[in-house]
Amino acid sequence: MKGLWRAACRCAVSDGVPRRSLIVALVVGTVLNVINQGDAMLAGGPIDWTKLLLTFAVPYCVSTYGAVSYHLKTLHSPSAGGPRGELC
């Protein structure tokens, strides 16, 4: 189990995963913030900073999780077509 966590953490910070996750978070987070808090932003009302931060953090985490899951699946599955034995 410890080896799996180590491999997952290594995958999360390698192979361009952080950059792609950041791009996804910026695009999706911006759209969601406009949908959720657009009226407050346009009217000059108060902005809920916790919601704003979470709206960017959640897409980042989901994108990173998806990338790590894919890497780990290809690592352990010979039918997935990925290289075996390499840790991201």
PDB file of N, CA and C in Angstrom:
ATOM      1  N   MET A   1       0.814  -1.190   0.000  1.00  0.00           N
ATOM      2  CA  MET A   1       0.000   0.000   0.000  1.00  0.00           C
ATOM      3  C   MET A   1       0.863   1.261   0.000  1.00  0.00           C
ATOM      4  N   LYS A   2       1.957   1.233   0.777  1.00  0.00           N
ATOM      5  CA  LYS A   2       2.851   2.383   0.829  1.00  0.00           C
ATOM      6  C   LYS A   2       3.468   2.647  -0.540  1.00  0.00           C
ATOM      7  N   GLY A   3       3.784   1.592  -1.262  1.00  0.00           N
ATOM      8  CA  GLY A   3       4.354   1.734  -2.596  1.00  0.00           C
ATOM      9  C   GLY A   3       3.375   2.342  -3.580  1.00  0.00           C
ATOM     10  N   LEU A   4       2.104   2.010  -3.413  1.00  0.00           N
ATOM     11  CA  LEU A   4       1.065   2.572  -4.281  1.00  0.00           C
ATOM     12  C   LEU A   4       0.929   4.077  -4.047  1.00  0.00           C
ATOM     13  N   TRP A   5       0.939   4.494  -2.778  1.00  0.00           N
ATOM     14  CA  TRP A   5       0.859   5.922  -2.465  1.00  0.00           C
ATOM     15  C   TRP A   5       2.074   6.660  -3.004  1.00  0.00           C
ATOM     16  N   ARG A   6       3.233   6.047  -2.873  1.00  0.00           N
ATOM     17  CA  ARG A   6       4.461   6.674  -3.381  1.00  0.00           C
ATOM     18  C   ARG A   6       4.394   6.844  -4.896  1.00  0.00           C
ATOM     19  N   ALA A   7       3.918   5.804  -5.595  1.00  0.00           N
ATOM     20  CA  ALA A   7       3.785   5.884  -7.048  1.00  0.00           C
ATOM     21  C   ALA A   7       2.750   6.934  -7.441  1.00  0.00           C
ATOM     22  N   ALA A   8       1.647   7.009  -6.706  1.00  0.00           N
ATOM     23  CA  ALA A   8       0.608   7.997  -7.000  1.00  0.00           C
ATOM     24  C   ALA A   8       1.143   9.419  -6.812  1.00  0.00           C
ATOM     25  N   CYS A   9       1.877   9.644  -5.740  1.00  0.00           N
ATOM     26  CA  CYS A   9       2.448  10.972  -5.495  1.00  0.00           C
ATOM     27  C   CYS A   9       3.471  11.338  -6.563  1.00  0.00           C
ATOM     28  N   ARG A  10       4.263  10.361  -6.966  1.00  0.00           N
ATOM     29  CA  ARG A  10       5.255  10.603  -8.007  1.00  0.00           C
ATOM     30  C   ARG A  10       4.573  10.955  -9.330  1.00  0.00           C
ATOM     31  N   CYS A  11       3.489  10.246  -9.648  1.00  0.00           N
ATOM     32  CA  CYS A  11       2.743  10.530 -10.877  1.00  0.00           C
ATOM     33  C   CYS A  11       2.097  11.911 -10.825  1.00  0.00           C
ATOM     34  N   ALA A  12       1.645  12.317  -9.651  1.00  0.00           N
ATOM     35  CA  ALA A  12       0.938  13.594  -9.506  1.00  0.00           C
ATOM     36  C   ALA A  12       1.844  14.798  -9.771  1.00  0.00           C
ATOM     37  N   VAL A  13       3.148  14.614  -9.632  1.00  0.00           N
ATOM     38  CA  VAL A  13       4.067  15.742  -9.829  1.00  0.00           C
ATOM     39  C   VAL A  13       4.998  15.543 -11.022  1.00  0.00           C
ATOM     40  N   SER A  14       4.671  14.603 -11.905  1.00  0.00           N
ATOM     41  CA  SER A  14       5.552  14.341 -13.033  1.00  0.00           C
ATOM     42  C   SER A  14       4.787  14.360 -14.354  1.00  0.00           C
ATOM     43  N   ASP A  15       5.528  14.313 -15.421  1.00  0.00           N
ATOM     44  CA  ASP A  15       4.985  14.111 -16.759  1.00  0.00           C
ATOM     45  C   ASP A  15       3.969  15.177 -17.166  1.00  0.00           C
ATOM     46  N   GLY A  16       4.131  16.394 -16.698  1.00  0.00           N
ATOM     47  CA  GLY A  16       3.238  17.480 -17.095  1.00  0.00           C
ATOM     48  C   GLY A  16       1.880  17.496 -16.420  1.00  0.00           C
ATOM     49  N   VAL A  17       1.663  16.595 -15.457  1.00  0.00           N
ATOM     50  CA  VAL A  17       0.362  16.527 -14.781  1.00  0.00           C
ATOM     51  C   VAL A  17       0.021  17.835 -14.072  1.00  0.00           C
ATOM     52  N   PRO A  18       0.919  18.436 -13.289  1.00  0.00           N
ATOM     53  CA  PRO A  18       0.560  19.683 -12.611  1.00  0.00           C
ATOM     54  C   PRO A  18       0.186  20.808 -13.583  1.00  0.00           C
ATOM     55  N   ARG A  19       0.888  20.898 -14.681  1.00  0.00           N
ATOM     56  CA  ARG A  19       0.604  21.958 -15.662  1.00  0.00           C
ATOM     57  C   ARG A  19      -0.769  21.756 -16.289  1.00  0.00           C
ATOM     58  N   ARG A  20      -1.056  20.536 -16.719  1.00  0.00           N
ATOM     59  CA  ARG A  20      -2.371  20.265 -17.323  1.00  0.00           C
ATOM     60  C   ARG A  20      -3.480  20.470 -16.316  1.00  0.00           C
ATOM     61  N   SER A  21      -3.266  20.034 -15.091  1.00  0.00           N
ATOM     62  CA  SER A  21      -4.283  20.208 -14.055  1.00  0.00           C
ATOM     63  C   SER A  21      -4.517  21.681 -13.766  1.00  0.00           C
ATOM     64  N   LEU A  22      -3.457  22.475 -13.780  1.00  0.00           N
ATOM     65  CA  LEU A  22      -3.593  23.909 -13.550  1.00  0.00           C
ATOM     66  C   LEU A  22      -4.401  24.570 -14.668  1.00  0.00           C
ATOM     67  N   ILE A  23      -4.142  24.185 -15.893  1.00  0.00           N
ATOM     68  CA  ILE A  23      -4.893  24.745 -17.027  1.00  0.00           C
ATOM     69  C   ILE A  23      -6.368  24.383 -16.912  1.00  0.00           C
ATOM     70  N   VAL A  24      -6.656  23.122 -16.591  1.00  0.00           N
ATOM     71  CA  VAL A  24      -8.045  22.696 -16.408  1.00  0.00           C
ATOM     72  C   VAL A  24      -8.694  23.495 -15.282  1.00  0.00           C
ATOM     73  N   ALA A  25      -7.987  23.655 -14.169  1.00  0.00           N
ATOM     74  CA  ALA A  25      -8.540  24.378 -13.027  1.00  0.00           C
ATOM     75  C   ALA A  25      -8.823  25.840 -13.370  1.00  0.00           C
ATOM     76  N   LEU A  26      -7.936  26.462 -14.130  1.00  0.00           N
ATOM     77  CA  LEU A  26      -8.153  27.856 -14.502  1.00  0.00           C
ATOM     78  C   LEU A  26      -9.370  28.025 -15.408  1.00  0.00           C
ATOM     79  N   VAL A  27      -9.508  27.146 -16.387  1.00  0.00           N
ATOM     80  CA  VAL A  27     -10.645  27.244 -17.314  1.00  0.00           C
ATOM     81  C   VAL A  27     -11.949  26.893 -16.611  1.00  0.00           C
ATOM     82  N   VAL A  28     -12.002  25.717 -16.007  1.00  0.00           N
ATOM     83  CA  VAL A  28     -13.237  25.259 -15.361  1.00  0.00           C
ATOM     84  C   VAL A  28     -13.572  26.134 -14.155  1.00  0.00           C
ATOM     85  N   GLY A  29     -12.586  26.475 -13.359  1.00  0.00           N
ATOM     86  CA  GLY A  29     -12.820  27.310 -12.186  1.00  0.00           C
ATOM     87  C   GLY A  29     -13.350  28.687 -12.551  1.00  0.00           C
ATOM     88  N   THR A  30     -12.823  29.268 -13.623  1.00  0.00           N
ATOM     89  CA  THR A  30     -13.306  30.573 -14.066  1.00  0.00           C
ATOM     90  C   THR A  30     -14.765  30.500 -14.499  1.00  0.00           C
ATOM     91  N   VAL A  31     -15.090  29.495 -15.297  1.00  0.00           N
ATOM     92  CA  VAL A  31     -16.477  29.332 -15.755  1.00  0.00           C
ATOM     93  C   VAL A  31     -17.409  29.127 -14.561  1.00  0.00           C
ATOM     94  N   LEU A  32     -17.029  28.251 -13.649  1.00  0.00           N
ATOM     95  CA  LEU A  32     -17.884  27.987 -12.488  1.00  0.00           C
ATOM     96  C   LEU A  32     -18.024  29.210 -11.585  1.00  0.00           C
ATOM     97  N   ASN A  33     -16.946  29.983 -11.431  1.00  0.00           N
ATOM     98  CA  ASN A  33     -17.041  31.192 -10.606  1.00  0.00           C
ATOM     99  C   ASN A  33     -17.954  32.232 -11.243  1.00  0.00           C
ATOM    100  N   VAL A  34     -17.904  32.358 -12.544  1.00  0.00           N
ATOM    101  CA  VAL A  34     -18.805  33.292 -13.218  1.00  0.00           C
ATOM    102  C   VAL A  34     -20.251  32.841 -13.047  1.00  0.00           C
ATOM    103  N   ILE A  35     -20.485  31.534 -13.161  1.00  0.00           N
ATOM    104  CA  ILE A  35     -21.844  31.012 -12.974  1.00  0.00           C
ATOM    105  C   ILE A  35     -22.301  31.226 -11.531  1.00  0.00           C
ATOM    106  N   ASN A  36     -21.461  30.885 -10.572  1.00  0.00           N
ATOM    107  CA  ASN A  36     -21.863  30.916  -9.166  1.00  0.00           C
ATOM    108  C   ASN A  36     -21.842  32.299  -8.529  1.00  0.00           C
ATOM    109  N   GLN A  37     -20.884  33.136  -8.913  1.00  0.00           N
ATOM    110  CA  GLN A  37     -20.734  34.421  -8.243  1.00  0.00           C
ATOM    111  C   GLN A  37     -20.725  35.596  -9.205  1.00  0.00           C
ATOM    112  N   GLY A  38     -21.138  35.355 -10.443  1.00  0.00           N
ATOM    113  CA  GLY A  38     -21.127  36.412 -11.446  1.00  0.00           C
ATOM    114  C   GLY A  38     -21.960  37.612 -11.060  1.00  0.00           C
ATOM    115  N   ASP A  39     -23.125  37.370 -10.482  1.00  0.00           N
ATOM    116  CA  ASP A  39     -23.987  38.489 -10.090  1.00  0.00           C
ATOM    117  C   ASP A  39     -23.329  39.342  -9.008  1.00  0.00           C
ATOM    118  N   ALA A  40     -22.664  38.706  -8.059  1.00  0.00           N
ATOM    119  CA  ALA A  40     -21.969  39.463  -7.005  1.00  0.00           C
ATOM    120  C   ALA A  40     -20.793  40.240  -7.589  1.00  0.00           C
ATOM    121  N   MET A  41     -20.089  39.646  -8.532  1.00  0.00           N
ATOM    122  CA  MET A  41     -18.948  40.324  -9.147  1.00  0.00           C
ATOM    123  C   MET A  41     -19.398  41.537  -9.956  1.00  0.00           C
ATOM    124  N   LEU A  42     -20.465  41.383 -10.729  1.00  0.00           N
ATOM    125  CA  LEU A  42     -20.949  42.488 -11.562  1.00  0.00           C
ATOM    126  C   LEU A  42     -21.600  43.600 -10.739  1.00  0.00           C
ATOM    127  N   ALA A  43     -22.264  43.218  -9.655  1.00  0.00           N
ATOM    128  CA  ALA A  43     -22.955  44.206  -8.833  1.00  0.00           C
ATOM    129  C   ALA A  43     -22.034  44.838  -7.795  1.00  0.00           C
ATOM    130  N   GLY A  44     -20.824  44.356  -7.709  1.00  0.00           N
ATOM    131  CA  GLY A  44     -19.892  44.890  -6.725  1.00  0.00           C
ATOM    132  C   GLY A  44     -20.180  44.406  -5.317  1.00  0.00           C
ATOM    133  N   GLY A  45     -20.925  43.305  -5.224  1.00  0.00           N
ATOM    134  CA  GLY A  45     -21.258  42.733  -3.921  1.00  0.00           C
ATOM    135  C   GLY A  45     -20.100  41.953  -3.338  1.00  0.00           C
ATOM    136  N   PRO A  46     -20.306  41.419  -2.169  1.00  0.00           N
ATOM    137  CA  PRO A  46     -19.227  40.652  -1.524  1.00  0.00           C
ATOM    138  C   PRO A  46     -18.978  39.321  -2.244  1.00  0.00           C
ATOM    139  N   ILE A  47     -17.729  38.953  -2.318  1.00  0.00           N
ATOM    140  CA  ILE A  47     -17.333  37.691  -2.940  1.00  0.00           C
ATOM    141  C   ILE A  47     -16.968  36.721  -1.829  1.00  0.00           C
ATOM    142  N   ASP A  48     -17.479  35.530  -1.915  1.00  0.00           N
ATOM    143  CA  ASP A  48     -17.159  34.488  -0.942  1.00  0.00           C
ATOM    144  C   ASP A  48     -15.825  33.854  -1.352  1.00  0.00           C
ATOM    145  N   TRP A  49     -14.757  34.249  -0.656  1.00  0.00           N
ATOM    146  CA  TRP A  49     -13.405  33.816  -1.046  1.00  0.00           C
ATOM    147  C   TRP A  49     -13.187  32.322  -0.838  1.00  0.00           C
ATOM    148  N   THR A  50     -13.869  31.745   0.114  1.00  0.00           N
ATOM    149  CA  THR A  50     -13.754  30.295   0.316  1.00  0.00           C
ATOM    150  C   THR A  50     -14.314  29.554  -0.891  1.00  0.00           C
ATOM    151  N   LYS A  51     -15.491  29.977  -1.344  1.00  0.00           N
ATOM    152  CA  LYS A  51     -16.080  29.366  -2.543  1.00  0.00           C
ATOM    153  C   LYS A  51     -15.183  29.569  -3.754  1.00  0.00           C
ATOM    154  N   LEU A  52     -14.627  30.769  -3.876  1.00  0.00           N
ATOM    155  CA  LEU A  52     -13.771  31.069  -5.018  1.00  0.00           C
ATOM    156  C   LEU A  52     -12.571  30.130  -5.048  1.00  0.00           C
ATOM    157  N   LEU A  53     -11.898  29.975  -3.926  1.00  0.00           N
ATOM    158  CA  LEU A  53     -10.720  29.093  -3.872  1.00  0.00           C
ATOM    159  C   LEU A  53     -11.084  27.631  -4.110  1.00  0.00           C
ATOM    160  N   LEU A  54     -12.180  27.190  -3.494  1.00  0.00           N
ATOM    161  CA  LEU A  54     -12.599  25.797  -3.685  1.00  0.00           C
ATOM    162  C   LEU A  54     -13.031  25.523  -5.121  1.00  0.00           C
ATOM    163  N   THR A  55     -13.595  26.528  -5.777  1.00  0.00           N
ATOM    164  CA  THR A  55     -14.047  26.355  -7.150  1.00  0.00           C
ATOM    165  C   THR A  55     -12.865  26.142  -8.090  1.00  0.00           C
ATOM    166  N   PHE A  56     -11.694  26.618  -7.735  1.00  0.00           N
ATOM    167  CA  PHE A  56     -10.490  26.340  -8.518  1.00  0.00           C
ATOM    168  C   PHE A  56      -9.784  25.072  -8.032  1.00  0.00           C
ATOM    169  N   ALA A  57      -9.829  24.814  -6.735  1.00  0.00           N
ATOM    170  CA  ALA A  57      -9.119  23.657  -6.179  1.00  0.00           C
ATOM    171  C   ALA A  57      -9.756  22.334  -6.593  1.00  0.00           C
ATOM    172  N   VAL A  58     -11.082  22.291  -6.644  1.00  0.00           N
ATOM    173  CA  VAL A  58     -11.753  21.027  -6.967  1.00  0.00           C
ATOM    174  C   VAL A  58     -11.421  20.550  -8.387  1.00  0.00           C
ATOM    175  N   PRO A  59     -11.520  21.389  -9.428  1.00  0.00           N
ATOM    176  CA  PRO A  59     -11.135  20.899 -10.758  1.00  0.00           C
ATOM    177  C   PRO A  59      -9.663  20.483 -10.840  1.00  0.00           C
ATOM    178  N   TYR A  60      -8.794  21.182 -10.100  1.00  0.00           N
ATOM    179  CA  TYR A  60      -7.378  20.797 -10.086  1.00  0.00           C
ATOM    180  C   TYR A  60      -7.213  19.391  -9.514  1.00  0.00           C
ATOM    181  N   CYS A  61      -7.876  19.139  -8.392  1.00  0.00           N
ATOM    182  CA  CYS A  61      -7.785  17.814  -7.755  1.00  0.00           C
ATOM    183  C   CYS A  61      -8.392  16.724  -8.622  1.00  0.00           C
ATOM    184  N   VAL A  62      -9.512  16.998  -9.239  1.00  0.00           N
ATOM    185  CA  VAL A  62     -10.169  16.000 -10.087  1.00  0.00           C
ATOM    186  C   VAL A  62      -9.306  15.685 -11.308  1.00  0.00           C
ATOM    187  N   SER A  63      -8.741  16.709 -11.917  1.00  0.00           N
ATOM    188  CA  SER A  63      -7.887  16.497 -13.075  1.00  0.00           C
ATOM    189  C   SER A  63      -6.627  15.709 -12.701  1.00  0.00           C
ATOM    190  N   THR A  64      -6.031  16.046 -11.573  1.00  0.00           N
ATOM    191  CA  THR A  64      -4.842  15.324 -11.109  1.00  0.00           C
ATOM    192  C   THR A  64      -5.186  13.873 -10.793  1.00  0.00           C
ATOM    193  N   TYR A  65      -6.318  13.652 -10.117  1.00  0.00           N
ATOM    194  CA  TYR A  65      -6.746  12.294  -9.800  1.00  0.00           C
ATOM    195  C   TYR A  65      -6.941  11.466 -11.071  1.00  0.00           C
ATOM    196  N   GLY A  66      -7.570  12.059 -12.070  1.00  0.00           N
ATOM    197  CA  GLY A  66      -7.784  11.345 -13.328  1.00  0.00           C
ATOM    198  C   GLY A  66      -6.483  10.953 -14.001  1.00  0.00           C
ATOM    199  N   ALA A  67      -5.531  11.874 -14.026  1.00  0.00           N
ATOM    200  CA  ALA A  67      -4.238  11.593 -14.644  1.00  0.00           C
ATOM    201  C   ALA A  67      -3.475  10.516 -13.882  1.00  0.00           C
ATOM    202  N   VAL A  68      -3.484  10.611 -12.556  1.00  0.00           N
ATOM    203  CA  VAL A  68      -2.781   9.622 -11.735  1.00  0.00           C
ATOM    204  C   VAL A  68      -3.439   8.252 -11.886  1.00  0.00           C
ATOM    205  N   SER A  69      -4.751   8.207 -11.889  1.00  0.00           N
ATOM    206  CA  SER A  69      -5.465   6.937 -12.062  1.00  0.00           C
ATOM    207  C   SER A  69      -5.098   6.287 -13.385  1.00  0.00           C
ATOM    208  N   TYR A  70      -5.048   7.086 -14.440  1.00  0.00           N
ATOM    209  CA  TYR A  70      -4.683   6.557 -15.758  1.00  0.00           C
ATOM    210  C   TYR A  70      -3.257   6.020 -15.747  1.00  0.00           C
ATOM    211  N   HIS A  71      -2.330   6.798 -15.183  1.00  0.00           N
ATOM    212  CA  HIS A  71      -0.938   6.351 -15.133  1.00  0.00           C
ATOM    213  C   HIS A  71      -0.797   5.054 -14.346  1.00  0.00           C
ATOM    214  N   LEU A  72      -1.459   4.965 -13.203  1.00  0.00           N
ATOM    215  CA  LEU A  72      -1.348   3.750 -12.387  1.00  0.00           C
ATOM    216  C   LEU A  72      -2.007   2.552 -13.076  1.00  0.00           C
ATOM    217  N   LYS A  73      -3.096   2.798 -13.785  1.00  0.00           N
ATOM    218  CA  LYS A  73      -3.755   1.705 -14.506  1.00  0.00           C
ATOM    219  C   LYS A  73      -2.854   1.172 -15.618  1.00  0.00           C
ATOM    220  N   THR A  74      -2.243   2.062 -16.375  1.00  0.00           N
ATOM    221  CA  THR A  74      -1.362   1.618 -17.454  1.00  0.00           C
ATOM    222  C   THR A  74      -0.094   0.981 -16.899  1.00  0.00           C
ATOM    223  N   LEU A  75       0.300   1.388 -15.714  1.00  0.00           N
ATOM    224  CA  LEU A  75       1.480   0.815 -15.082  1.00  0.00           C
ATOM    225  C   LEU A  75       1.261  -0.652 -14.711  1.00  0.00           C
ATOM    226  N   HIS A  76       0.035  -0.966 -14.238  1.00  0.00           N
ATOM    227  CA  HIS A  76      -0.240  -2.304 -13.733  1.00  0.00           C
ATOM    228  C   HIS A  76      -1.029  -3.185 -14.689  1.00  0.00           C
ATOM    229  N   SER A  77      -1.416  -2.683 -15.842  1.00  0.00           N
ATOM    230  CA  SER A  77      -2.261  -3.456 -16.740  1.00  0.00           C
ATOM    231  C   SER A  77      -1.561  -3.691 -18.071  1.00  0.00           C
ATOM    232  N   PRO A  78      -1.241  -4.946 -18.391  1.00  0.00           N
ATOM    233  CA  PRO A  78      -0.566  -5.202 -19.666  1.00  0.00           C
ATOM    234  C   PRO A  78      -1.478  -4.935 -20.861  1.00  0.00           C
ATOM    235  N   SER A  79      -2.795  -5.020 -20.678  1.00  0.00           N
ATOM    236  CA  SER A  79      -3.705  -4.798 -21.799  1.00  0.00           C
ATOM    237  C   SER A  79      -3.949  -3.327 -22.068  1.00  0.00           C
ATOM    238  N   ALA A  80      -3.503  -2.433 -21.193  1.00  0.00           N
ATOM    239  CA  ALA A  80      -3.746  -1.015 -21.380  1.00  0.00           C
ATOM    240  C   ALA A  80      -2.799  -0.391 -22.397  1.00  0.00           C
ATOM    241  N   GLY A  81      -1.754  -1.113 -22.781  1.00  0.00           N
ATOM    242  CA  GLY A  81      -0.856  -0.634 -23.810  1.00  0.00           C
ATOM    243  C   GLY A  81       0.237   0.288 -23.299  1.00  0.00           C
ATOM    244  N   GLY A  82       0.322   0.499 -22.030  1.00  0.00           N
ATOM    245  CA  GLY A  82       1.326   1.389 -21.479  1.00  0.00           C
ATOM    246  C   GLY A  82       2.592   0.636 -21.107  1.00  0.00           C
ATOM    247  N   PRO A  83       3.654   1.352 -20.839  1.00  0.00           N
ATOM    248  CA  PRO A  83       4.883   0.701 -20.427  1.00  0.00           C
ATOM    249  C   PRO A  83       4.733   0.102 -19.030  1.00  0.00           C
ATOM    250  N   ARG A  84       5.254  -1.081 -18.844  1.00  0.00           N
ATOM    251  CA  ARG A  84       5.151  -1.731 -17.536  1.00  0.00           C
ATOM    252  C   ARG A  84       6.445  -1.511 -16.767  1.00  0.00           C
ATOM    253  N   GLY A  85       6.284  -1.314 -15.463  1.00  0.00           N
ATOM    254  CA  GLY A  85       7.456  -1.209 -14.612  1.00  0.00           C
ATOM    255  C   GLY A  85       7.973   0.201 -14.420  1.00  0.00           C
ATOM    256  N   GLU A  86       7.491   1.168 -15.183  1.00  0.00           N
ATOM    257  CA  GLU A  86       7.952   2.532 -15.035  1.00  0.00           C
ATOM    258  C   GLU A  86       7.025   3.288 -14.088  1.00  0.00           C
ATOM    259  N   LEU A  87       7.595   4.036 -13.176  1.00  0.00           N
ATOM    260  CA  LEU A  87       6.796   4.830 -12.242  1.00  0.00           C
ATOM    261  C   LEU A  87       6.763   6.272 -12.719  1.00  0.00           C
ATOM    262  N   CYS A  88       5.839   6.572 -13.564  1.00  0.00           N
ATOM    263  CA  CYS A  88       5.594   7.923 -14.089  1.00  0.00           C
ATOM    264  C   CYS A  88       6.890   8.606 -14.401  1.00  0.00           C
TER     265      CYS A  88
END
